[in-house]
Amino acid sequence: MKMGVKQMMAAARAEITGHSPAEAQRRAQEHNALLVDIRDVRELQQGGVVPNAFHAPRGMLEFWIDPDSPYHKPIFAQDREFIFY
């Protein structure tokens, strides 16, 4: 069965946990969660960065996370919570 965008968004939301900016910061400090900035480089230059966040451009995210990808980044193999923003 083909899913439309609303169904895909509902399925995704059922699998993730959203956090406020304050909660994300607390989790990064107290629980070793990694903040992952998925904005492109131009947005980083214009808007600044969150200290200690890891930059993973949205267009490369699946490639960097997948351990079978030749572009895999070892940071995503760590056993920790990742908070994408």
PDB file of N, CA and C in Angstrom:
ATOM      1  N   MET A   1       0.844  -1.183   0.000  1.00  0.00           N
ATOM      2  CA  MET A   1       0.000   0.000   0.000  1.00  0.00           C
ATOM      3  C   MET A   1       0.888   1.244   0.000  1.00  0.00           C
ATOM      4  N   LYS A   2       0.624   2.136  -0.903  1.00  0.00           N
ATOM      5  CA  LYS A   2       1.390   3.369  -1.020  1.00  0.00           C
ATOM      6  C   LYS A   2       0.941   4.356   0.060  1.00  0.00           C
ATOM      7  N   MET A   3       1.945   4.943   0.758  1.00  0.00           N
ATOM      8  CA  MET A   3       1.628   5.931   1.790  1.00  0.00           C
ATOM      9  C   MET A   3       1.843   7.332   1.235  1.00  0.00           C
ATOM     10  N   GLY A   4       0.951   8.227   1.597  1.00  0.00           N
ATOM     11  CA  GLY A   4       1.120   9.633   1.262  1.00  0.00           C
ATOM     12  C   GLY A   4       1.990  10.302   2.316  1.00  0.00           C
ATOM     13  N   VAL A   5       2.290  11.559   2.100  1.00  0.00           N
ATOM     14  CA  VAL A   5       3.177  12.285   3.001  1.00  0.00           C
ATOM     15  C   VAL A   5       2.612  12.353   4.425  1.00  0.00           C
ATOM     16  N   LYS A   6       1.309  12.508   4.563  1.00  0.00           N
ATOM     17  CA  LYS A   6       0.721  12.580   5.910  1.00  0.00           C
ATOM     18  C   LYS A   6       0.898  11.264   6.653  1.00  0.00           C
ATOM     19  N   GLN A   7       0.725  10.158   5.949  1.00  0.00           N
ATOM     20  CA  GLN A   7       0.906   8.848   6.582  1.00  0.00           C
ATOM     21  C   GLN A   7       2.382   8.607   6.931  1.00  0.00           C
ATOM     22  N   MET A   8       3.283   9.028   6.038  1.00  0.00           N
ATOM     23  CA  MET A   8       4.715   8.870   6.322  1.00  0.00           C
ATOM     24  C   MET A   8       5.127   9.707   7.532  1.00  0.00           C
ATOM     25  N   MET A   9       4.608  10.922   7.621  1.00  0.00           N
ATOM     26  CA  MET A   9       4.933  11.789   8.760  1.00  0.00           C
ATOM     27  C   MET A   9       4.378  11.197  10.054  1.00  0.00           C
ATOM     28  N   ALA A  10       3.181  10.671  10.019  1.00  0.00           N
ATOM     29  CA  ALA A  10       2.592  10.052  11.212  1.00  0.00           C
ATOM     30  C   ALA A  10       3.410   8.841  11.642  1.00  0.00           C
ATOM     31  N   ALA A  11       3.842   8.026  10.689  1.00  0.00           N
ATOM     32  CA  ALA A  11       4.659   6.852  11.012  1.00  0.00           C
ATOM     33  C   ALA A  11       5.991   7.276  11.609  1.00  0.00           C
ATOM     34  N   ALA A  12       6.598   8.311  11.060  1.00  0.00           N
ATOM     35  CA  ALA A  12       7.875   8.806  11.590  1.00  0.00           C
ATOM     36  C   ALA A  12       7.701   9.344  13.004  1.00  0.00           C
ATOM     37  N   ARG A  13       6.661  10.136  13.216  1.00  0.00           N
ATOM     38  CA  ARG A  13       6.431  10.708  14.548  1.00  0.00           C
ATOM     39  C   ARG A  13       6.177   9.635  15.607  1.00  0.00           C
ATOM     40  N   ALA A  14       5.640   8.502  15.198  1.00  0.00           N
ATOM     41  CA  ALA A  14       5.403   7.410  16.139  1.00  0.00           C
ATOM     42  C   ALA A  14       6.706   6.750  16.571  1.00  0.00           C
ATOM     43  N   GLU A  15       7.780   6.969  15.831  1.00  0.00           N
ATOM     44  CA  GLU A  15       9.063   6.324  16.107  1.00  0.00           C
ATOM     45  C   GLU A  15      10.079   7.228  16.792  1.00  0.00           C
ATOM     46  N   ILE A  16       9.813   8.527  16.862  1.00  0.00           N
ATOM     47  CA  ILE A  16      10.792   9.464  17.406  1.00  0.00           C
ATOM     48  C   ILE A  16      10.266  10.134  18.671  1.00  0.00           C
ATOM     49  N   THR A  17      11.175  10.736  19.398  1.00  0.00           N
ATOM     50  CA  THR A  17      10.828  11.531  20.570  1.00  0.00           C
ATOM     51  C   THR A  17      11.285  12.955  20.311  1.00  0.00           C
ATOM     52  N   GLY A  18      10.382  13.892  20.440  1.00  0.00           N
ATOM     53  CA  GLY A  18      10.735  15.298  20.272  1.00  0.00           C
ATOM     54  C   GLY A  18      11.154  15.905  21.604  1.00  0.00           C
ATOM     55  N   HIS A  19      12.074  16.855  21.541  1.00  0.00           N
ATOM     56  CA  HIS A  19      12.538  17.545  22.744  1.00  0.00           C
ATOM     57  C   HIS A  19      12.521  19.048  22.508  1.00  0.00           C
ATOM     58  N   SER A  20      12.252  19.795  23.547  1.00  0.00           N
ATOM     59  CA  SER A  20      12.397  21.244  23.475  1.00  0.00           C
ATOM     60  C   SER A  20      13.902  21.546  23.413  1.00  0.00           C
ATOM     61  N   PRO A  21      14.276  22.752  22.994  1.00  0.00           N
ATOM     62  CA  PRO A  21      15.701  23.094  23.001  1.00  0.00           C
ATOM     63  C   PRO A  21      16.337  22.945  24.392  1.00  0.00           C
ATOM     64  N   ALA A  22      15.626  23.326  25.424  1.00  0.00           N
ATOM     65  CA  ALA A  22      16.169  23.210  26.778  1.00  0.00           C
ATOM     66  C   ALA A  22      16.368  21.745  27.166  1.00  0.00           C
ATOM     67  N   GLU A  23      15.408  20.895  26.810  1.00  0.00           N
ATOM     68  CA  GLU A  23      15.531  19.465  27.120  1.00  0.00           C
ATOM     69  C   GLU A  23      16.654  18.834  26.318  1.00  0.00           C
ATOM     70  N   ALA A  24      16.807  19.228  25.060  1.00  0.00           N
ATOM     71  CA  ALA A  24      17.897  18.695  24.234  1.00  0.00           C
ATOM     72  C   ALA A  24      19.245  19.065  24.846  1.00  0.00           C
ATOM     73  N   GLN A  25      19.381  20.297  25.284  1.00  0.00           N
ATOM     74  CA  GLN A  25      20.628  20.737  25.919  1.00  0.00           C
ATOM     75  C   GLN A  25      20.886  19.961  27.203  1.00  0.00           C
ATOM     76  N   ARG A  26      19.849  19.757  28.004  1.00  0.00           N
ATOM     77  CA  ARG A  26      20.002  19.002  29.249  1.00  0.00           C
ATOM     78  C   ARG A  26      20.434  17.564  28.962  1.00  0.00           C
ATOM     79  N   ARG A  27      19.809  16.939  27.988  1.00  0.00           N
ATOM     80  CA  ARG A  27      20.152  15.555  27.651  1.00  0.00           C
ATOM     81  C   ARG A  27      21.587  15.458  27.141  1.00  0.00           C
ATOM     82  N   ALA A  28      22.024  16.454  26.386  1.00  0.00           N
ATOM     83  CA  ALA A  28      23.406  16.462  25.904  1.00  0.00           C
ATOM     84  C   ALA A  28      24.381  16.578  27.069  1.00  0.00           C
ATOM     85  N   GLN A  29      24.048  17.400  28.049  1.00  0.00           N
ATOM     86  CA  GLN A  29      24.940  17.620  29.193  1.00  0.00           C
ATOM     87  C   GLN A  29      24.891  16.478  30.197  1.00  0.00           C
ATOM     88  N   GLU A  30      23.714  15.978  30.483  1.00  0.00           N
ATOM     89  CA  GLU A  30      23.561  15.006  31.568  1.00  0.00           C
ATOM     90  C   GLU A  30      23.546  13.550  31.112  1.00  0.00           C
ATOM     91  N   HIS A  31      23.205  13.300  29.850  1.00  0.00           N
ATOM     92  CA  HIS A  31      23.036  11.920  29.391  1.00  0.00           C
ATOM     93  C   HIS A  31      23.929  11.570  28.201  1.00  0.00           C
ATOM     94  N   ASN A  32      24.881  12.453  27.887  1.00  0.00           N
ATOM     95  CA  ASN A  32      25.815  12.207  26.794  1.00  0.00           C
ATOM     96  C   ASN A  32      25.126  12.071  25.441  1.00  0.00           C
ATOM     97  N   ALA A  33      23.954  12.670  25.277  1.00  0.00           N
ATOM     98  CA  ALA A  33      23.306  12.677  23.971  1.00  0.00           C
ATOM     99  C   ALA A  33      24.125  13.569  23.041  1.00  0.00           C
ATOM    100  N   LEU A  34      24.131  13.227  21.769  1.00  0.00           N
ATOM    101  CA  LEU A  34      24.864  14.023  20.791  1.00  0.00           C
ATOM    102  C   LEU A  34      23.883  14.857  19.986  1.00  0.00           C
ATOM    103  N   LEU A  35      24.090  16.162  19.985  1.00  0.00           N
ATOM    104  CA  LEU A  35      23.299  17.058  19.154  1.00  0.00           C
ATOM    105  C   LEU A  35      23.871  17.003  17.745  1.00  0.00           C
ATOM    106  N   VAL A  36      23.006  16.761  16.759  1.00  0.00           N
ATOM    107  CA  VAL A  36      23.433  16.633  15.371  1.00  0.00           C
ATOM    108  C   VAL A  36      22.734  17.712  14.554  1.00  0.00           C
ATOM    109  N   ASP A  37      23.514  18.646  14.052  1.00  0.00           N
ATOM    110  CA  ASP A  37      23.008  19.763  13.260  1.00  0.00           C
ATOM    111  C   ASP A  37      22.928  19.331  11.799  1.00  0.00           C
ATOM    112  N   ILE A  38      21.726  19.278  11.238  1.00  0.00           N
ATOM    113  CA  ILE A  38      21.563  18.788   9.871  1.00  0.00           C
ATOM    114  C   ILE A  38      21.390  19.916   8.851  1.00  0.00           C
ATOM    115  N   ARG A  39      21.675  21.140   9.261  1.00  0.00           N
ATOM    116  CA  ARG A  39      21.573  22.255   8.320  1.00  0.00           C
ATOM    117  C   ARG A  39      22.735  22.214   7.329  1.00  0.00           C
ATOM    118  N   ASP A  40      22.562  22.891   6.189  1.00  0.00           N
ATOM    119  CA  ASP A  40      23.671  22.933   5.236  1.00  0.00           C
ATOM    120  C   ASP A  40      24.686  23.994   5.666  1.00  0.00           C
ATOM    121  N   VAL A  41      25.832  23.979   5.020  1.00  0.00           N
ATOM    122  CA  VAL A  41      26.941  24.848   5.415  1.00  0.00           C
ATOM    123  C   VAL A  41      26.552  26.317   5.371  1.00  0.00           C
ATOM    124  N   ARG A  42      25.775  26.720   4.373  1.00  0.00           N
ATOM    125  CA  ARG A  42      25.360  28.127   4.284  1.00  0.00           C
ATOM    126  C   ARG A  42      24.533  28.538   5.502  1.00  0.00           C
ATOM    127  N   GLU A  43      23.669  27.653   5.964  1.00  0.00           N
ATOM    128  CA  GLU A  43      22.862  27.951   7.146  1.00  0.00           C
ATOM    129  C   GLU A  43      23.748  28.056   8.386  1.00  0.00           C
ATOM    130  N   LEU A  44      24.760  27.223   8.476  1.00  0.00           N
ATOM    131  CA  LEU A  44      25.685  27.303   9.614  1.00  0.00           C
ATOM    132  C   LEU A  44      26.402  28.651   9.610  1.00  0.00           C
ATOM    133  N   GLN A  45      26.839  29.074   8.437  1.00  0.00           N
ATOM    134  CA  GLN A  45      27.550  30.347   8.323  1.00  0.00           C
ATOM    135  C   GLN A  45      26.651  31.520   8.669  1.00  0.00           C
ATOM    136  N   GLN A  46      25.388  31.443   8.296  1.00  0.00           N
ATOM    137  CA  GLN A  46      24.445  32.530   8.550  1.00  0.00           C
ATOM    138  C   GLN A  46      23.922  32.530   9.981  1.00  0.00           C
ATOM    139  N   GLY A  47      23.658  31.343  10.518  1.00  0.00           N
ATOM    140  CA  GLY A  47      22.980  31.262  11.802  1.00  0.00           C
ATOM    141  C   GLY A  47      23.842  30.866  12.977  1.00  0.00           C
ATOM    142  N   GLY A  48      25.103  30.534  12.731  1.00  0.00           N
ATOM    143  CA  GLY A  48      25.963  30.100  13.817  1.00  0.00           C
ATOM    144  C   GLY A  48      25.746  28.632  14.145  1.00  0.00           C
ATOM    145  N   VAL A  49      26.488  28.168  15.134  1.00  0.00           N
ATOM    146  CA  VAL A  49      26.443  26.754  15.503  1.00  0.00           C
ATOM    147  C   VAL A  49      26.223  26.602  17.003  1.00  0.00           C
ATOM    148  N   VAL A  50      25.745  25.440  17.382  1.00  0.00           N
ATOM    149  CA  VAL A  50      25.606  25.088  18.791  1.00  0.00           C
ATOM    150  C   VAL A  50      26.935  24.464  19.211  1.00  0.00           C
ATOM    151  N   PRO A  51      27.556  24.957  20.278  1.00  0.00           N
ATOM    152  CA  PRO A  51      28.828  24.383  20.718  1.00  0.00           C
ATOM    153  C   PRO A  51      28.713  22.877  20.961  1.00  0.00           C
ATOM    154  N   ASN A  52      29.711  22.149  20.520  1.00  0.00           N
ATOM    155  CA  ASN A  52      29.833  20.697  20.694  1.00  0.00           C
ATOM    156  C   ASN A  52      28.847  19.877  19.877  1.00  0.00           C
ATOM    157  N   ALA A  53      28.075  20.509  18.999  1.00  0.00           N
ATOM    158  CA  ALA A  53      27.181  19.755  18.128  1.00  0.00           C
ATOM    159  C   ALA A  53      28.002  19.179  16.971  1.00  0.00           C
ATOM    160  N   PHE A  54      27.533  18.060  16.446  1.00  0.00           N
ATOM    161  CA  PHE A  54      28.173  17.429  15.291  1.00  0.00           C
ATOM    162  C   PHE A  54      27.405  17.836  14.053  1.00  0.00           C
ATOM    163  N   HIS A  55      28.114  18.247  13.011  1.00  0.00           N
ATOM    164  CA  HIS A  55      27.445  18.659  11.780  1.00  0.00           C
ATOM    165  C   HIS A  55      27.356  17.483  10.821  1.00  0.00           C
ATOM    166  N   ALA A  56      26.142  17.165  10.390  1.00  0.00           N
ATOM    167  CA  ALA A  56      25.890  16.121   9.397  1.00  0.00           C
ATOM    168  C   ALA A  56      24.886  16.689   8.409  1.00  0.00           C
ATOM    169  N   PRO A  57      25.331  17.140   7.242  1.00  0.00           N
ATOM    170  CA  PRO A  57      24.396  17.734   6.289  1.00  0.00           C
ATOM    171  C   PRO A  57      23.248  16.788   5.972  1.00  0.00           C
ATOM    172  N   ARG A  58      22.052  17.311   5.924  1.00  0.00           N
ATOM    173  CA  ARG A  58      20.858  16.495   5.715  1.00  0.00           C
ATOM    174  C   ARG A  58      20.982  15.583   4.500  1.00  0.00           C
ATOM    175  N   GLY A  59      21.572  16.058   3.440  1.00  0.00           N
ATOM    176  CA  GLY A  59      21.696  15.266   2.232  1.00  0.00           C
ATOM    177  C   GLY A  59      22.619  14.063   2.359  1.00  0.00           C
ATOM    178  N   MET A  60      23.452  14.036   3.394  1.00  0.00           N
ATOM    179  CA  MET A  60      24.397  12.928   3.598  1.00  0.00           C
ATOM    180  C   MET A  60      24.010  12.044   4.770  1.00  0.00           C
ATOM    181  N   LEU A  61      22.974  12.413   5.499  1.00  0.00           N
ATOM    182  CA  LEU A  61      22.645  11.758   6.763  1.00  0.00           C
ATOM    183  C   LEU A  61      22.514  10.238   6.656  1.00  0.00           C
ATOM    184  N   GLU A  62      21.704   9.752   5.750  1.00  0.00           N
ATOM    185  CA  GLU A  62      21.520   8.298   5.629  1.00  0.00           C
ATOM    186  C   GLU A  62      22.828   7.600   5.277  1.00  0.00           C
ATOM    187  N   PHE A  63      23.637   8.225   4.432  1.00  0.00           N
ATOM    188  CA  PHE A  63      24.918   7.631   4.045  1.00  0.00           C
ATOM    189  C   PHE A  63      25.882   7.578   5.230  1.00  0.00           C
ATOM    190  N   TRP A  64      25.898   8.613   6.042  1.00  0.00           N
ATOM    191  CA  TRP A  64      26.815   8.666   7.182  1.00  0.00           C
ATOM    192  C   TRP A  64      26.378   7.732   8.301  1.00  0.00           C
ATOM    193  N   ILE A  65      25.071   7.501   8.449  1.00  0.00           N
ATOM    194  CA  ILE A  65      24.562   6.643   9.522  1.00  0.00           C
ATOM    195  C   ILE A  65      24.689   5.161   9.179  1.00  0.00           C
ATOM    196  N   ASP A  66      24.485   4.806   7.935  1.00  0.00           N
ATOM    197  CA  ASP A  66      24.477   3.400   7.513  1.00  0.00           C
ATOM    198  C   ASP A  66      25.874   2.779   7.628  1.00  0.00           C
ATOM    199  N   PRO A  67      26.054   1.765   8.495  1.00  0.00           N
ATOM    200  CA  PRO A  67      27.386   1.164   8.656  1.00  0.00           C
ATOM    201  C   PRO A  67      27.883   0.452   7.401  1.00  0.00           C
ATOM    202  N   ASP A  68      26.999   0.125   6.468  1.00  0.00           N
ATOM    203  CA  ASP A  68      27.408  -0.529   5.226  1.00  0.00           C
ATOM    204  C   ASP A  68      27.758   0.463   4.121  1.00  0.00           C
ATOM    205  N   SER A  69      27.568   1.726   4.381  1.00  0.00           N
ATOM    206  CA  SER A  69      27.856   2.757   3.386  1.00  0.00           C
ATOM    207  C   SER A  69      29.354   3.069   3.369  1.00  0.00           C
ATOM    208  N   PRO A  70      29.918   3.320   2.197  1.00  0.00           N
ATOM    209  CA  PRO A  70      31.330   3.721   2.152  1.00  0.00           C
ATOM    210  C   PRO A  70      31.558   5.096   2.780  1.00  0.00           C
ATOM    211  N   TYR A  71      30.484   5.834   3.039  1.00  0.00           N
ATOM    212  CA  TYR A  71      30.579   7.167   3.637  1.00  0.00           C
ATOM    213  C   TYR A  71      30.292   7.172   5.138  1.00  0.00           C
ATOM    214  N   HIS A  72      30.104   5.991   5.711  1.00  0.00           N
ATOM    215  CA  HIS A  72      29.753   5.859   7.134  1.00  0.00           C
ATOM    216  C   HIS A  72      30.721   6.637   8.025  1.00  0.00           C
ATOM    217  N   LYS A  73      30.159   7.313   9.025  1.00  0.00           N
ATOM    218  CA  LYS A  73      30.944   8.029  10.032  1.00  0.00           C
ATOM    219  C   LYS A  73      30.864   7.250  11.336  1.00  0.00           C
ATOM    220  N   PRO A  74      32.006   6.862  11.894  1.00  0.00           N
ATOM    221  CA  PRO A  74      32.020   6.052  13.127  1.00  0.00           C
ATOM    222  C   PRO A  74      31.266   6.679  14.298  1.00  0.00           C
ATOM    223  N   ILE A  75      31.139   7.986  14.322  1.00  0.00           N
ATOM    224  CA  ILE A  75      30.425   8.626  15.436  1.00  0.00           C
ATOM    225  C   ILE A  75      28.996   8.087  15.543  1.00  0.00           C
ATOM    226  N   PHE A  76      28.398   7.680  14.398  1.00  0.00           N
ATOM    227  CA  PHE A  76      27.025   7.182  14.416  1.00  0.00           C
ATOM    228  C   PHE A  76      26.931   5.721  14.839  1.00  0.00           C
ATOM    229  N   ALA A  77      28.053   5.071  15.065  1.00  0.00           N
ATOM    230  CA  ALA A  77      28.050   3.694  15.570  1.00  0.00           C
ATOM    231  C   ALA A  77      28.103   3.672  17.095  1.00  0.00           C
ATOM    232  N   GLN A  78      28.250   4.826  17.709  1.00  0.00           N
ATOM    233  CA  GLN A  78      28.313   4.897  19.163  1.00  0.00           C
ATOM    234  C   GLN A  78      26.957   4.576  19.780  1.00  0.00           C
ATOM    235  N   ASP A  79      26.993   3.982  20.962  1.00  0.00           N
ATOM    236  CA  ASP A  79      25.781   3.646  21.688  1.00  0.00           C
ATOM    237  C   ASP A  79      25.363   4.846  22.525  1.00  0.00           C
ATOM    238  N   ARG A  80      24.652   5.758  21.895  1.00  0.00           N
ATOM    239  CA  ARG A  80      24.193   6.975  22.582  1.00  0.00           C
ATOM    240  C   ARG A  80      22.962   7.525  21.886  1.00  0.00           C
ATOM    241  N   GLU A  81      22.323   8.443  22.517  1.00  0.00           N
ATOM    242  CA  GLU A  81      21.165   9.098  21.925  1.00  0.00           C
ATOM    243  C   GLU A  81      21.637  10.192  20.967  1.00  0.00           C
ATOM    244  N   PHE A  82      20.995  10.275  19.817  1.00  0.00           N
ATOM    245  CA  PHE A  82      21.281  11.330  18.846  1.00  0.00           C
ATOM    246  C   PHE A  82      20.069  12.233  18.763  1.00  0.00           C
ATOM    247  N   ILE A  83      20.305  13.526  18.888  1.00  0.00           N
ATOM    248  CA  ILE A  83      19.226  14.513  18.791  1.00  0.00           C
ATOM    249  C   ILE A  83      19.494  15.351  17.550  1.00  0.00           C
ATOM    250  N   PHE A  84      18.664  15.164  16.533  1.00  0.00           N
ATOM    251  CA  PHE A  84      18.830  15.851  15.257  1.00  0.00           C
ATOM    252  C   PHE A  84      18.026  17.133  15.253  1.00  0.00           C
ATOM    253  N   TYR A  85      18.657  18.195  14.767  1.00  0.00           N
ATOM    254  CA  TYR A  85      17.950  19.465  14.637  1.00  0.00           C
ATOM    255  C   TYR A  85      18.400  20.186  13.402  1.00  0.00           C
TER     256      TYR A  85
END
